[in-house]
Protein backbone atom coordinates (compact mmCIF):
# COMPACT_ATOMS: atom_id res chain seq x y z
CA MET A 1 -104.37 24.52 9.04
CA GLY A 2 -106.23 25.72 5.88
CA THR A 3 -104.76 27.41 3.01
CA ARG A 4 -106.71 30.56 3.80
CA ASP A 5 -105.44 30.08 7.42
CA TRP A 6 -101.65 29.95 6.25
CA MET A 7 -102.14 32.79 3.75
CA GLU A 8 -103.47 35.07 6.39
CA ARG A 9 -100.78 34.02 9.14
CA ARG A 10 -98.08 34.93 6.00
CA ALA A 11 -99.69 38.23 5.41
CA GLY A 12 -99.98 39.12 8.79
CA GLY A 13 -103.71 38.54 9.42
CA ALA A 14 -106.91 38.71 7.65
CA ALA A 15 -107.20 42.29 7.06
CA ALA A 16 -103.62 42.57 5.97
CA LEU A 17 -104.24 39.81 3.60
CA TYR A 18 -107.49 41.69 2.34
CA ASP A 19 -105.65 44.73 1.51
CA ASP A 20 -102.74 42.78 -0.38
CA VAL A 21 -105.37 41.27 -2.92
CA VAL A 22 -107.25 44.36 -2.94
CA GLY A 23 -104.43 46.11 -4.02
CA ARG A 24 -102.68 43.95 -6.30
CA LEU A 25 -106.33 43.80 -8.53
CA ASP A 26 -106.13 47.69 -8.02
CA ARG A 27 -102.53 48.00 -9.71
CA LEU A 28 -104.29 45.88 -12.36
CA ALA A 29 -107.13 47.78 -13.38
CA LEU A 30 -109.64 47.91 -10.80
CA ALA A 31 -108.25 51.63 -9.15
CA ALA A 32 -110.15 53.19 -12.39
CA ALA A 33 -113.08 51.26 -12.24
CA ARG A 34 -113.86 52.24 -8.75
CA ARG A 35 -113.35 55.67 -9.60
CA ASP A 36 -115.86 55.56 -12.14
CA LEU A 37 -118.19 53.90 -9.90
CA LEU A 38 -118.28 56.22 -7.23
CA GLN A 39 -117.22 59.65 -8.53
CA ASP A 40 -120.85 60.92 -8.83
CA VAL A 41 -122.49 59.45 -5.79
CA THR A 42 -124.34 61.69 -3.72
CA GLY A 43 -126.81 61.92 -0.70
CA ALA A 44 -127.26 59.10 1.50
CA VAL A 45 -125.19 55.63 0.75
CA LEU A 46 -124.98 52.24 2.04
CA GLU A 47 -121.91 50.30 1.49
CA LEU A 48 -122.46 46.92 1.90
CA GLY A 49 -119.06 44.69 2.91
CA CYS A 50 -116.77 47.71 3.08
CA GLY A 51 -114.02 45.21 4.28
CA THR A 52 -111.08 47.55 5.39
CA GLY A 53 -112.63 50.56 4.00
CA SER A 54 -110.15 50.43 1.22
CA GLY A 55 -112.56 52.40 -1.18
CA PHE A 56 -113.79 55.39 1.37
CA GLY A 57 -111.33 57.78 -0.41
CA LEU A 58 -113.11 57.36 -3.71
CA TYR A 59 -116.44 58.78 -2.41
CA PRO A 60 -116.89 62.36 -3.05
CA ALA A 61 -117.70 65.18 0.05
CA THR A 62 -121.31 65.02 -1.24
CA ALA A 63 -121.74 61.26 -0.16
CA ARG A 64 -122.99 60.65 3.43
CA VAL A 65 -121.70 57.03 3.68
CA THR A 66 -122.96 54.14 5.97
CA ALA A 67 -120.57 51.44 5.93
CA VAL A 68 -121.70 47.95 7.05
CA GLU A 69 -119.20 45.13 7.84
CA PRO A 70 -119.76 41.51 9.24
CA GLU A 71 -115.53 40.88 9.78
CA PRO A 72 -114.91 42.31 13.43
CA ALA A 73 -111.15 42.19 12.62
CA PHE A 74 -111.76 44.58 9.54
CA ARG A 75 -113.83 47.26 11.01
CA PRO A 76 -111.33 49.00 13.41
CA ILE A 77 -109.12 49.48 9.96
CA ALA A 78 -111.90 50.79 8.11
CA ALA A 79 -112.96 53.29 11.09
CA SER A 80 -109.66 54.58 10.98
CA ARG A 81 -110.01 55.39 7.12
CA ALA A 82 -113.29 56.36 7.30
CA HIS A 83 -111.59 59.56 9.50
CA ALA A 84 -109.56 60.67 6.34
CA ALA A 85 -112.44 60.23 3.84
CA ALA A 86 -113.92 63.25 2.18
CA ALA A 87 -117.01 62.30 2.45
CA GLU A 88 -118.82 62.06 5.98
CA VAL A 89 -118.60 57.71 6.70
CA SER A 90 -119.89 55.57 9.58
CA VAL A 91 -118.97 52.23 10.00
CA LEU A 92 -120.77 49.72 11.72
CA PRO A 93 -121.72 45.93 12.09
CA GLY A 94 -123.99 44.48 9.75
CA ASP A 95 -125.15 41.60 7.89
CA ALA A 96 -126.35 42.11 3.98
CA HIS A 97 -128.98 39.32 4.55
CA ASP A 98 -130.67 40.99 7.43
CA LEU A 99 -130.08 44.88 7.42
CA SER A 100 -131.26 46.85 10.10
CA PHE A 101 -132.50 49.93 8.17
CA PRO A 102 -136.10 50.88 7.51
CA ASP A 103 -137.53 50.99 3.99
CA ASP A 104 -136.42 53.41 1.44
CA SER A 105 -133.79 55.00 3.56
CA PHE A 106 -130.88 55.27 1.06
CA ASP A 107 -130.25 57.12 -2.26
CA ILE A 108 -127.44 54.88 -3.56
CA VAL A 109 -126.35 51.16 -2.43
CA VAL A 110 -122.94 50.25 -3.35
CA ALA A 111 -121.07 46.86 -2.76
CA GLU A 112 -117.74 45.68 -4.38
CA LEU A 113 -116.48 42.40 -4.41
CA MET A 114 -118.72 41.07 -2.00
CA LEU A 115 -121.89 39.22 -3.65
CA CYS A 116 -119.22 36.37 -4.75
CA SER A 117 -118.92 35.38 -0.76
CA VAL A 118 -122.28 35.77 0.58
CA ALA A 119 -124.30 33.23 1.44
CA ARG A 120 -127.60 34.00 -0.32
CA PRO A 121 -127.18 36.81 -2.83
CA ASP A 122 -130.91 36.61 -3.79
CA VAL A 123 -131.62 37.77 -0.17
CA ALA A 124 -128.85 40.22 0.13
CA LEU A 125 -129.86 42.16 -2.87
CA ARG A 126 -133.62 42.02 -1.83
CA GLU A 127 -132.48 43.91 1.18
CA ALA A 128 -130.46 46.38 -0.88
CA ARG A 129 -133.66 47.02 -3.08
CA ARG A 130 -135.87 47.15 0.18
CA VAL A 131 -133.88 50.02 1.84
CA LEU A 132 -133.02 51.94 -1.39
CA ARG A 133 -135.58 54.94 -2.16
CA PRO A 134 -137.88 54.87 -5.34
CA GLY A 135 -135.63 55.60 -8.15
CA GLY A 136 -132.36 54.68 -5.94
CA SER A 137 -129.40 53.19 -7.64
CA LEU A 138 -127.42 50.21 -7.10
CA ARG A 139 -123.93 50.14 -7.69
CA LEU A 140 -121.82 46.92 -7.85
CA LEU A 141 -118.41 45.97 -8.68
CA GLU A 142 -118.43 41.92 -9.23
CA HIS A 143 -116.24 39.34 -10.52
CA VAL A 144 -118.72 36.70 -12.30
CA ARG A 145 -119.84 34.18 -14.51
CA HIS A 146 -117.64 34.27 -17.85
CA ARG A 147 -119.74 35.43 -20.95
CA ARG A 148 -118.91 32.07 -22.49
CA PRO A 149 -120.80 29.53 -21.96
CA VAL A 150 -117.89 26.92 -21.82
CA ILE A 151 -115.76 29.03 -19.43
CA GLY A 152 -118.61 29.57 -17.55
CA ARG A 153 -119.19 25.32 -17.01
CA ILE A 154 -115.30 25.41 -16.17
CA GLN A 155 -115.96 27.57 -13.51
CA ASP A 156 -118.46 25.41 -12.33
CA ALA A 157 -116.49 22.49 -12.14
CA PHE A 158 -113.78 24.23 -10.18
CA ASP A 159 -115.81 26.19 -8.15
CA PRO A 160 -116.08 23.97 -5.08
CA LEU A 161 -112.45 23.50 -5.28
CA TRP A 162 -111.76 27.26 -5.59
CA ASN A 163 -114.26 27.47 -2.18
CA ALA A 164 -112.42 25.37 -0.31
CA VAL A 165 -109.04 26.80 -1.38
CA GLU A 166 -109.98 30.07 -0.52
CA GLY A 167 -112.10 29.62 2.42
CA ARG A 168 -114.54 32.35 2.64
CA GLY A 169 -117.26 31.40 0.80
CA CYS A 170 -116.13 33.09 -2.48
CA HIS A 171 -117.69 31.22 -5.82
CA ILE A 172 -116.34 32.05 -9.07
CA GLY A 173 -119.21 31.37 -11.41
CA ARG A 174 -121.77 33.79 -10.14
CA ASP A 175 -124.06 35.60 -12.77
CA THR A 176 -124.62 38.70 -11.00
CA PRO A 177 -126.51 40.71 -13.42
CA ARG A 178 -128.85 38.17 -13.72
CA ALA A 179 -129.54 38.03 -10.09
CA VAL A 180 -129.82 41.83 -9.90
CA GLU A 181 -132.66 41.80 -12.24
CA ALA A 182 -134.34 38.84 -10.56
CA ALA A 183 -134.26 40.83 -7.35
CA GLY A 184 -136.39 43.74 -9.02
CA PHE A 185 -133.78 46.28 -10.16
CA HIS A 186 -133.47 47.67 -13.95
CA LEU A 187 -130.27 47.33 -15.24
CA GLU A 188 -128.98 50.39 -16.55
CA ARG A 189 -125.61 49.51 -17.36
CA VAL A 190 -122.92 46.48 -17.15
CA ALA A 191 -119.33 47.37 -18.04
CA THR A 192 -116.59 44.68 -18.78
CA VAL A 193 -113.25 45.87 -16.41
CA PRO A 194 -110.34 45.70 -18.88
CA LEU A 195 -107.98 42.98 -17.45
CA PRO A 196 -105.10 41.05 -18.57
CA ALA A 197 -106.17 38.08 -20.26
CA TYR A 198 -104.87 35.24 -17.65
CA VAL A 199 -107.28 37.25 -15.20
CA ASP A 200 -110.22 37.48 -17.04
CA TRP A 201 -110.31 34.16 -18.58
CA PHE A 202 -111.52 32.91 -15.13
CA PHE A 203 -112.25 35.83 -13.01
CA PRO A 204 -113.91 38.46 -15.21
CA ILE A 205 -115.03 41.56 -13.32
CA VAL A 206 -117.68 44.15 -14.15
CA THR A 207 -119.53 47.35 -12.70
CA VAL A 208 -123.22 47.37 -12.64
CA HIS A 209 -125.43 50.25 -12.59
CA ALA A 210 -129.31 49.35 -11.82
CA ARG A 211 -132.13 51.19 -10.52
CA LYS A 212 -135.04 50.12 -8.28
CA SER A 213 -137.99 50.89 -10.59
């Protein structure tokens, strides 16, 4: 049994472990960052990798949210939480690498703590740009490569071990803001989420606001 399997069994399943980790991060500082990220969204919204739907309650009633999640164990929980949200939320199976929506379908695309673990973040970001309408907004909350190069190199060195222990494809040193620009977005704001030093040293988290030109 791998480390991830052991952790999921101890927590009561993959969804329970996911909720536990997100809950701990929210108590550290992420809850405020997530509220800031979503408080003004409106119109047609696509959320990529919604997990168990822990963020649905943060959407205002002005949003019409289509949430895609590839993990079958997460979708029923997300669907149940969708009913309690102020926004209109629908949960669908989906893969960020190959979205089943036409070009220019959404006003806003949101992703939280998922670009670290997709196999091809460049492909996922190009897909996000494709389904956004001209001038549409990309909103991200992600843990990223440390701003200090020496720590970034340490992240690189530990990444294979972390990936093996975490067991879900998570990478700790991806330069997501740079990847957003490379996918053709205009970066409007990158803000560091204030975290305790022992977390920020290895898992810095940022919010990103970008726009489709």
